[in-house]
Amino acid sequence: MTNQPHILLTGASRGIGKSIHEALEAGAGRVIGHASRAKGNLVGADFAMPGAASDLWAQAMERLDGRVDVLVNNAGIFQANPLDGSDIAWLDSWEETMRINLTASAELCRLAVRHWQETGRPGRIVNVASRAAYRGDSPAHWHYAASKAGMVAMTKSIARGYGSDGILAFAVCPGFTMTGMADDYLASRGGPELLKDIPLGRVAETSEIADIVKFCALDAPPSMTGAVIDANGASFVR
């Protein structure tokens, strides 16, 4: 890792992503943050639209003087998709979630791997997945769980395929975390009753997840490549 790593972070506008942005900057990284719409110093790219991921990569490369050392894929959506909706509505919701949560991340991972192969430089990818990748999610969130399981499988494939090139990949799987998405879900599932499923007795703080991501992005030893790190208060253990 260089003295000042160049980092591209998706989904940096709020919640976990905002905390990751702050942690990486505190770690002396030069960070380009992303949001679905340009906001302040964040680059706008709507991953629901074809070509948005490659456009974001091009903008990041321009702003970072043609070099990205670390890619952190954190952007994602969490929207209910009831089985009793119309066929078209259910499929549209499935495809939108896959497009934003998984496909855009895959596009950026591909661009990053090719960049490092072409330049001969090492690189790191950190994919923020979810406990749902292993435990599953509610009946209205098949698509969310599937997208996060895909991120984990992709991370392992990258780690196994390109470790000899100095390209490292890690996945972080949070459980409930104090974000807007989690707050809405907790309310819909009974709030305090749901917390009984978490032995720690509370949901994670965004700063806790950010610390894990920062470690993987900047400090984790190369032998950790391919690791999937759980952060769910022991609500799911493997």
Protein backbone atom coordinates (compact mmCIF):
# COMPACT_ATOMS: atom_id res chain seq x y z
CA MET A 1 0.00 0.00 0.00
CA THR A 2 1.27 3.44 -0.90
CA ASN A 3 1.83 6.21 1.65
CA GLN A 4 -1.42 7.82 0.56
CA PRO A 5 -3.67 5.16 -0.92
CA HIS A 6 -6.16 6.29 -3.54
CA ILE A 7 -9.61 4.94 -2.64
CA LEU A 8 -12.96 4.75 -4.43
CA LEU A 9 -15.89 4.25 -2.05
CA THR A 10 -19.47 3.73 -3.22
CA GLY A 11 -22.53 4.57 -1.16
CA ALA A 12 -20.79 7.22 0.93
CA SER A 13 -23.64 9.65 1.57
CA ARG A 14 -25.06 8.25 4.80
CA GLY A 15 -25.08 5.44 7.32
CA ILE A 16 -22.26 2.92 7.09
CA GLY A 17 -20.83 4.54 3.97
CA LYS A 18 -20.52 7.95 5.57
CA SER A 19 -18.70 6.42 8.55
CA ILE A 20 -16.40 4.48 6.21
CA HIS A 21 -15.60 7.69 4.34
CA GLU A 22 -14.62 9.43 7.57
CA ALA A 23 -12.55 6.47 8.78
CA LEU A 24 -10.64 6.13 5.51
CA GLU A 25 -9.86 9.83 5.38
CA ALA A 26 -8.67 9.65 8.97
CA GLY A 27 -6.43 6.81 7.85
CA ALA A 28 -4.65 9.21 5.49
CA GLY A 29 -6.36 7.91 2.40
CA ARG A 30 -7.29 10.06 -0.57
CA VAL A 31 -10.94 9.12 -0.95
CA ILE A 32 -13.43 9.65 -3.75
CA GLY A 33 -16.89 9.07 -2.33
CA HIS A 34 -19.97 8.23 -4.36
CA ALA A 35 -23.70 8.83 -3.98
CA SER A 36 -26.63 8.16 -6.28
CA ARG A 37 -26.72 11.92 -6.93
CA ALA A 38 -23.84 14.40 -6.72
CA LYS A 39 -23.78 16.01 -3.30
CA GLY A 40 -21.03 18.20 -1.91
CA ASN A 41 -17.75 16.44 -2.65
CA LEU A 42 -19.47 13.15 -3.55
CA VAL A 43 -19.55 12.00 -7.17
CA GLY A 44 -23.03 11.20 -8.43
CA ALA A 45 -23.85 7.96 -10.25
CA ASP A 46 -27.23 6.20 -10.29
CA PHE A 47 -26.39 2.49 -10.39
CA ALA A 48 -29.91 1.70 -11.56
CA MET A 49 -28.87 3.15 -14.92
CA PRO A 50 -26.70 1.20 -17.39
CA GLY A 51 -23.19 2.59 -17.69
CA ALA A 52 -23.25 4.40 -14.34
CA ALA A 53 -20.57 2.22 -12.74
CA SER A 54 -18.11 2.66 -15.59
CA ASP A 55 -18.80 6.41 -15.62
CA LEU A 56 -18.05 6.56 -11.89
CA TRP A 57 -14.80 4.66 -12.41
CA ALA A 58 -13.72 7.09 -15.13
CA GLN A 59 -14.47 10.08 -12.92
CA ALA A 60 -12.60 8.54 -9.99
CA MET A 61 -9.58 7.80 -12.16
CA GLU A 62 -9.55 11.38 -13.37
CA ARG A 63 -9.78 12.82 -9.86
CA LEU A 64 -7.20 10.39 -8.49
CA ASP A 65 -4.59 11.09 -11.15
CA GLY A 66 -5.12 7.80 -12.97
CA ARG A 67 -4.61 5.50 -10.00
CA VAL A 68 -6.99 3.63 -7.71
CA ASP A 69 -5.44 1.43 -5.01
CA VAL A 70 -8.54 0.40 -3.08
CA LEU A 71 -12.15 -0.16 -4.11
CA VAL A 72 -14.84 -0.32 -1.42
CA ASN A 73 -18.27 -1.40 -2.66
CA ASN A 74 -20.82 -0.28 -0.08
CA ALA A 75 -23.71 1.10 -2.16
CA GLY A 76 -26.95 -0.82 -1.88
CA ILE A 77 -30.70 -0.67 -1.48
CA PHE A 78 -33.03 -2.57 0.86
CA GLN A 79 -36.62 -2.52 -0.32
CA ALA A 80 -39.44 -4.93 0.43
CA ASN A 81 -40.66 -7.04 -2.48
CA PRO A 82 -43.79 -8.92 -1.38
CA LEU A 83 -44.61 -12.18 -3.14
CA ASP A 84 -48.23 -11.12 -3.67
CA GLY A 85 -47.30 -8.13 -5.84
CA SER A 86 -47.82 -8.29 -9.57
CA ASP A 87 -45.42 -10.40 -11.60
CA ILE A 88 -43.98 -7.32 -13.28
CA ALA A 89 -43.56 -5.38 -10.03
CA TRP A 90 -41.86 -8.34 -8.34
CA LEU A 91 -39.45 -8.86 -11.21
CA ASP A 92 -38.70 -5.14 -11.54
CA SER A 93 -37.84 -4.95 -7.84
CA TRP A 94 -35.67 -8.06 -8.06
CA GLU A 95 -33.73 -6.74 -11.05
CA GLU A 96 -33.29 -3.25 -9.59
CA THR A 97 -31.84 -4.67 -6.38
CA MET A 98 -29.49 -6.97 -8.29
CA ARG A 99 -28.45 -4.13 -10.59
CA ILE A 100 -27.58 -1.76 -7.73
CA ASN A 101 -26.33 -4.17 -5.06
CA LEU A 102 -24.48 -6.74 -7.14
CA THR A 103 -24.02 -5.91 -10.82
CA ALA A 104 -22.64 -2.41 -10.27
CA SER A 105 -20.22 -3.81 -7.69
CA ALA A 106 -19.15 -6.51 -10.16
CA GLU A 107 -18.55 -3.92 -12.87
CA LEU A 108 -16.34 -1.88 -10.57
CA CYS A 109 -14.47 -4.97 -9.37
CA ARG A 110 -13.77 -5.92 -12.99
CA LEU A 111 -12.50 -2.45 -13.82
CA ALA A 112 -10.31 -2.43 -10.71
CA VAL A 113 -8.81 -5.86 -11.39
CA ARG A 114 -8.04 -4.93 -15.00
CA HIS A 115 -6.50 -1.63 -13.87
CA TRP A 116 -4.16 -3.40 -11.46
CA GLN A 117 -3.26 -6.08 -13.97
CA GLU A 118 -2.44 -3.51 -16.63
CA THR A 119 -0.36 -1.34 -14.31
CA GLY A 120 1.28 -4.19 -12.41
CA ARG A 121 0.23 -2.59 -9.13
CA PRO A 122 -1.27 -4.38 -6.14
CA GLY A 123 -4.80 -3.51 -5.11
CA ARG A 124 -7.52 -4.21 -2.55
CA ILE A 125 -11.26 -4.71 -2.82
CA VAL A 126 -13.60 -4.58 0.17
CA ASN A 127 -17.20 -5.60 -0.51
CA VAL A 128 -19.77 -4.73 2.15
CA ALA A 129 -22.26 -7.58 2.04
CA SER A 130 -24.63 -8.63 4.85
CA ARG A 131 -25.46 -11.29 7.38
CA ALA A 132 -28.30 -12.09 4.98
CA ALA A 133 -25.76 -13.63 2.59
CA TYR A 134 -25.57 -16.62 4.94
CA ARG A 135 -28.66 -16.47 7.12
CA GLY A 136 -31.14 -15.28 4.50
CA ASP A 137 -33.69 -12.56 5.11
CA SER A 138 -37.44 -12.04 5.37
CA PRO A 139 -39.95 -13.45 2.84
CA ALA A 140 -40.11 -9.99 1.26
CA HIS A 141 -36.34 -9.74 0.85
CA TRP A 142 -35.23 -12.75 -1.20
CA HIS A 143 -33.60 -10.38 -3.66
CA TYR A 144 -31.58 -8.56 -1.01
CA ALA A 145 -30.22 -11.79 0.49
CA ALA A 146 -29.39 -13.16 -2.96
CA SER A 147 -27.56 -10.00 -3.97
CA LYS A 148 -25.41 -10.08 -0.83
CA ALA A 149 -24.66 -13.78 -1.21
CA GLY A 150 -23.51 -12.94 -4.73
CA MET A 151 -21.15 -10.30 -3.36
CA VAL A 152 -19.57 -12.83 -1.00
CA ALA A 153 -19.12 -15.41 -3.76
CA MET A 154 -17.64 -12.76 -6.05
CA THR A 155 -15.20 -11.67 -3.34
CA LYS A 156 -13.97 -15.23 -2.82
CA SER A 157 -13.59 -15.74 -6.58
CA ILE A 158 -11.51 -12.57 -6.92
CA ALA A 159 -9.32 -13.52 -3.96
CA ARG A 160 -8.68 -16.99 -5.38
CA GLY A 161 -8.22 -15.82 -8.96
CA TYR A 162 -5.88 -12.87 -8.57
CA GLY A 163 -3.95 -13.28 -5.33
CA SER A 164 -0.81 -14.06 -7.31
CA ASP A 165 -1.15 -10.60 -8.90
CA GLY A 166 -1.14 -8.91 -5.49
CA ILE A 167 -4.89 -8.28 -5.72
CA LEU A 168 -6.61 -8.87 -2.38
CA ALA A 169 -10.34 -9.11 -1.69
CA PHE A 170 -12.33 -9.07 1.53
CA ALA A 171 -16.03 -9.13 2.40
CA VAL A 172 -17.65 -7.63 5.49
CA CYS A 173 -21.05 -8.94 6.56
CA PRO A 174 -22.83 -6.65 9.02
CA GLY A 175 -26.01 -7.61 10.81
CA PHE A 176 -28.39 -4.89 11.93
CA THR A 177 -26.56 -1.57 12.04
CA MET A 178 -27.78 1.85 13.14
CA THR A 179 -28.72 3.20 9.71
CA GLY A 180 -31.94 4.50 8.23
CA MET A 181 -32.52 1.19 6.46
CA ALA A 182 -32.06 -0.81 9.66
CA ASP A 183 -34.26 1.53 11.69
CA ASP A 184 -37.12 1.06 9.22
CA TYR A 185 -36.68 -2.71 9.22
CA LEU A 186 -36.52 -2.92 13.01
CA ALA A 187 -39.74 -0.94 13.28
CA SER A 188 -41.47 -3.20 10.76
CA ARG A 189 -40.37 -6.31 12.67
CA GLY A 190 -41.33 -5.27 16.17
CA GLY A 191 -38.30 -3.29 17.28
CA PRO A 192 -37.22 -4.44 20.77
CA GLU A 193 -38.62 -7.95 20.21
CA LEU A 194 -36.29 -8.44 17.28
CA LEU A 195 -33.29 -7.39 19.39
CA LYS A 196 -33.80 -10.54 21.47
CA ASP A 197 -32.26 -12.39 18.55
CA ILE A 198 -28.96 -10.52 19.04
CA PRO A 199 -26.95 -11.93 21.97
CA LEU A 200 -24.94 -8.71 22.21
CA GLY A 201 -28.22 -6.95 23.03
CA ARG A 202 -27.87 -4.13 20.53
CA VAL A 203 -27.33 -3.45 16.86
CA ALA A 204 -23.92 -2.42 15.56
CA GLU A 205 -22.79 1.18 15.32
CA THR A 206 -21.78 2.41 11.87
CA SER A 207 -18.35 3.29 13.28
CA GLU A 208 -17.78 -0.37 14.17
CA ILE A 209 -18.39 -1.50 10.61
CA ALA A 210 -16.25 1.37 9.33
CA ASP A 211 -13.34 0.26 11.51
CA ILE A 212 -13.51 -3.25 10.03
CA VAL A 213 -13.65 -1.92 6.47
CA LYS A 214 -10.74 0.43 7.15
CA PHE A 215 -8.65 -2.44 8.49
CA CYS A 216 -9.34 -4.55 5.39
CA ALA A 217 -8.71 -1.63 3.04
CA LEU A 218 -5.46 -0.42 4.58
CA ASP A 219 -3.93 -2.80 7.11
CA ALA A 220 -5.08 -6.41 6.82
CA PRO A 221 -2.19 -8.78 6.08
CA PRO A 222 -2.20 -10.29 2.59
CA SER A 223 -2.82 -13.78 3.98
CA MET A 224 -6.29 -12.61 5.01
CA THR A 225 -7.39 -12.28 1.38
CA GLY A 226 -10.67 -14.06 0.77
CA ALA A 227 -11.81 -13.53 4.35
CA VAL A 228 -15.45 -12.85 5.15
CA ILE A 229 -15.78 -10.92 8.39
CA ASP A 230 -19.03 -11.13 10.38
CA ALA A 231 -20.21 -8.21 12.50
CA ASN A 232 -23.65 -9.12 13.78
CA GLY A 233 -23.51 -9.33 17.58
CA ALA A 234 -23.49 -13.16 17.36
CA SER A 235 -27.00 -13.18 15.87
CA PHE A 236 -25.55 -15.52 13.26
CA VAL A 237 -22.35 -17.52 13.71
CA ARG A 238 -20.69 -19.83 11.21
